[in-house]
């Protein structure tokens, strides 16, 4: 499985406004964020489906996914204002 590709797909579904930034598909920092997002989402999904409900762990996992989403949006907005600045 291509973790970056799966994470990118999840991010684009979660944050539709990202779809209008085609340059990011070649951006290494953005692709690393996609990878981190996919791994965080997989952990979150496993917790959601777990027979033993761990509410605190699920909440932390949900927060981690939201933080990565926010980081991705902030990064893209920064790149749109200051292209090439990493």
C-alpha atoms as a PDB file:
ATOM      1  CA  UNK A   1       0.000   0.000   0.000  1.00  0.00           C
ATOM      2  CA  UNK A   2       1.261   3.480  -0.847  1.00  0.00           C
ATOM      3  CA  UNK A   3       0.823   5.276   2.466  1.00  0.00           C
ATOM      4  CA  UNK A   4       1.451   8.730   1.002  1.00  0.00           C
ATOM      5  CA  UNK A   5      -1.095   8.252  -1.764  1.00  0.00           C
ATOM      6  CA  UNK A   6      -3.705   6.964   0.687  1.00  0.00           C
ATOM      7  CA  UNK A   7      -3.033   9.867   3.058  1.00  0.00           C
ATOM      8  CA  UNK A   8      -3.284  12.356   0.207  1.00  0.00           C
ATOM      9  CA  UNK A   9      -6.653  10.895  -0.792  1.00  0.00           C
ATOM     10  CA  UNK A  10      -7.917  11.125   2.797  1.00  0.00           C
ATOM     11  CA  UNK A  11      -6.729  14.722   3.146  1.00  0.00           C
ATOM     12  CA  UNK A  12      -8.368  15.726  -0.113  1.00  0.00           C
ATOM     13  CA  UNK A  13     -11.627  14.172   1.051  1.00  0.00           C
ATOM     14  CA  UNK A  14     -11.413  15.762   4.492  1.00  0.00           C
ATOM     15  CA  UNK A  15     -10.381  19.205   3.212  1.00  0.00           C
ATOM     16  CA  UNK A  16     -11.827  19.798  -0.270  1.00  0.00           C
ATOM     17  CA  UNK A  17     -10.174  23.208  -0.676  1.00  0.00           C
ATOM     18  CA  UNK A  18      -6.812  21.434  -0.919  1.00  0.00           C
ATOM     19  CA  UNK A  19      -7.869  20.011  -4.278  1.00  0.00           C
ATOM     20  CA  UNK A  20      -7.118  23.348  -5.951  1.00  0.00           C
ATOM     21  CA  UNK A  21      -3.386  23.184  -5.215  1.00  0.00           C
ATOM     22  CA  UNK A  22      -1.989  20.747  -7.794  1.00  0.00           C
ATOM     23  CA  UNK A  23       1.644  21.782  -7.174  1.00  0.00           C
ATOM     24  CA  UNK A  24       1.548  20.091  -3.776  1.00  0.00           C
ATOM     25  CA  UNK A  25       1.441  16.625  -5.329  1.00  0.00           C
ATOM     26  CA  UNK A  26       5.177  16.959  -5.983  1.00  0.00           C
ATOM     27  CA  UNK A  27       5.987  18.712  -2.705  1.00  0.00           C
ATOM     28  CA  UNK A  28       8.017  16.521  -0.337  1.00  0.00           C
ATOM     29  CA  UNK A  29       6.843  18.259   2.851  1.00  0.00           C
ATOM     30  CA  UNK A  30       3.202  17.909   1.847  1.00  0.00           C
ATOM     31  CA  UNK A  31       3.692  14.250   0.950  1.00  0.00           C
ATOM     32  CA  UNK A  32       5.276  13.635   4.379  1.00  0.00           C
ATOM     33  CA  UNK A  33       2.185  15.218   5.930  1.00  0.00           C
ATOM     34  CA  UNK A  34       0.041  12.861   3.835  1.00  0.00           C
ATOM     35  CA  UNK A  35       2.001   9.891   5.128  1.00  0.00           C
ATOM     36  CA  UNK A  36       1.674  11.025   8.747  1.00  0.00           C
ATOM     37  CA  UNK A  37      -2.051  11.650   8.232  1.00  0.00           C
ATOM     38  CA  UNK A  38      -2.652   8.190   6.807  1.00  0.00           C
ATOM     39  CA  UNK A  39      -0.832   6.504   9.676  1.00  0.00           C
ATOM     40  CA  UNK A  40      -2.746   8.596  12.227  1.00  0.00           C
ATOM     41  CA  UNK A  41      -6.048   7.776  10.504  1.00  0.00           C
ATOM     42  CA  UNK A  42      -5.257   4.071  10.470  1.00  0.00           C
ATOM     43  CA  UNK A  43      -4.584   4.191  14.218  1.00  0.00           C
ATOM     44  CA  UNK A  44      -7.795   6.152  14.782  1.00  0.00           C
ATOM     45  CA  UNK A  45      -9.823   3.718  12.678  1.00  0.00           C
ATOM     46  CA  UNK A  46      -8.391   0.756  14.582  1.00  0.00           C
ATOM     47  CA  UNK A  47      -9.397   2.390  17.860  1.00  0.00           C
ATOM     48  CA  UNK A  48     -12.885   3.078  16.536  1.00  0.00           C
ATOM     49  CA  UNK A  49     -13.322  -0.583  15.606  1.00  0.00           C
ATOM     50  CA  UNK A  50     -11.713  -2.013  18.726  1.00  0.00           C
ATOM     51  CA  UNK A  51     -13.809  -4.311  20.886  1.00  0.00           C
ATOM     52  CA  UNK A  52     -12.371  -2.609  23.949  1.00  0.00           C
ATOM     53  CA  UNK A  53     -13.302   1.033  23.720  1.00  0.00           C
ATOM     54  CA  UNK A  54     -10.450   3.258  24.826  1.00  0.00           C
ATOM     55  CA  UNK A  55     -12.115   6.657  24.864  1.00  0.00           C
ATOM     56  CA  UNK A  56      -9.050   8.660  25.888  1.00  0.00           C
ATOM     57  CA  UNK A  57      -6.845   7.039  23.256  1.00  0.00           C
ATOM     58  CA  UNK A  58      -9.518   7.615  20.610  1.00  0.00           C
ATOM     59  CA  UNK A  59      -9.851  11.271  21.570  1.00  0.00           C
ATOM     60  CA  UNK A  60      -6.059  11.735  21.356  1.00  0.00           C
ATOM     61  CA  UNK A  61      -6.040  10.017  17.987  1.00  0.00           C
ATOM     62  CA  UNK A  62      -8.893  12.212  16.703  1.00  0.00           C
ATOM     63  CA  UNK A  63      -6.989  15.296  17.866  1.00  0.00           C
ATOM     64  CA  UNK A  64      -3.818  14.116  16.131  1.00  0.00           C
ATOM     65  CA  UNK A  65      -5.700  13.715  12.844  1.00  0.00           C
ATOM     66  CA  UNK A  66      -7.214  17.184  13.204  1.00  0.00           C
ATOM     67  CA  UNK A  67      -3.798  18.686  13.989  1.00  0.00           C
ATOM     68  CA  UNK A  68      -2.286  17.145  10.869  1.00  0.00           C
ATOM     69  CA  UNK A  69      -5.198  18.455   8.789  1.00  0.00           C
ATOM     70  CA  UNK A  70      -4.644  21.940  10.219  1.00  0.00           C
ATOM     71  CA  UNK A  71      -0.901  21.701   9.591  1.00  0.00           C
ATOM     72  CA  UNK A  72      -1.499  20.688   5.974  1.00  0.00           C
ATOM     73  CA  UNK A  73      -3.854  23.616   5.395  1.00  0.00           C
ATOM     74  CA  UNK A  74      -1.435  26.057   7.055  1.00  0.00           C
ATOM     75  CA  UNK A  75       1.478  24.730   5.018  1.00  0.00           C
ATOM     76  CA  UNK A  76      -0.394  25.069   1.737  1.00  0.00           C
ATOM     77  CA  UNK A  77      -1.554  28.578   2.581  1.00  0.00           C
ATOM     78  CA  UNK A  78       2.014  29.523   3.490  1.00  0.00           C
ATOM     79  CA  UNK A  79       3.314  28.115   0.215  1.00  0.00           C
ATOM     80  CA  UNK A  80       0.704  30.058  -1.734  1.00  0.00           C
ATOM     81  CA  UNK A  81       1.878  33.286  -0.097  1.00  0.00           C
ATOM     82  CA  UNK A  82       5.597  32.481  -0.093  1.00  0.00           C
ATOM     83  CA  UNK A  83       6.211  29.885  -2.837  1.00  0.00           C
ATOM     84  CA  UNK A  84       9.482  28.053  -2.510  1.00  0.00           C
ATOM     85  CA  UNK A  85       9.981  29.012   1.140  1.00  0.00           C
ATOM     86  CA  UNK A  86      10.457  25.881   3.211  1.00  0.00           C
END
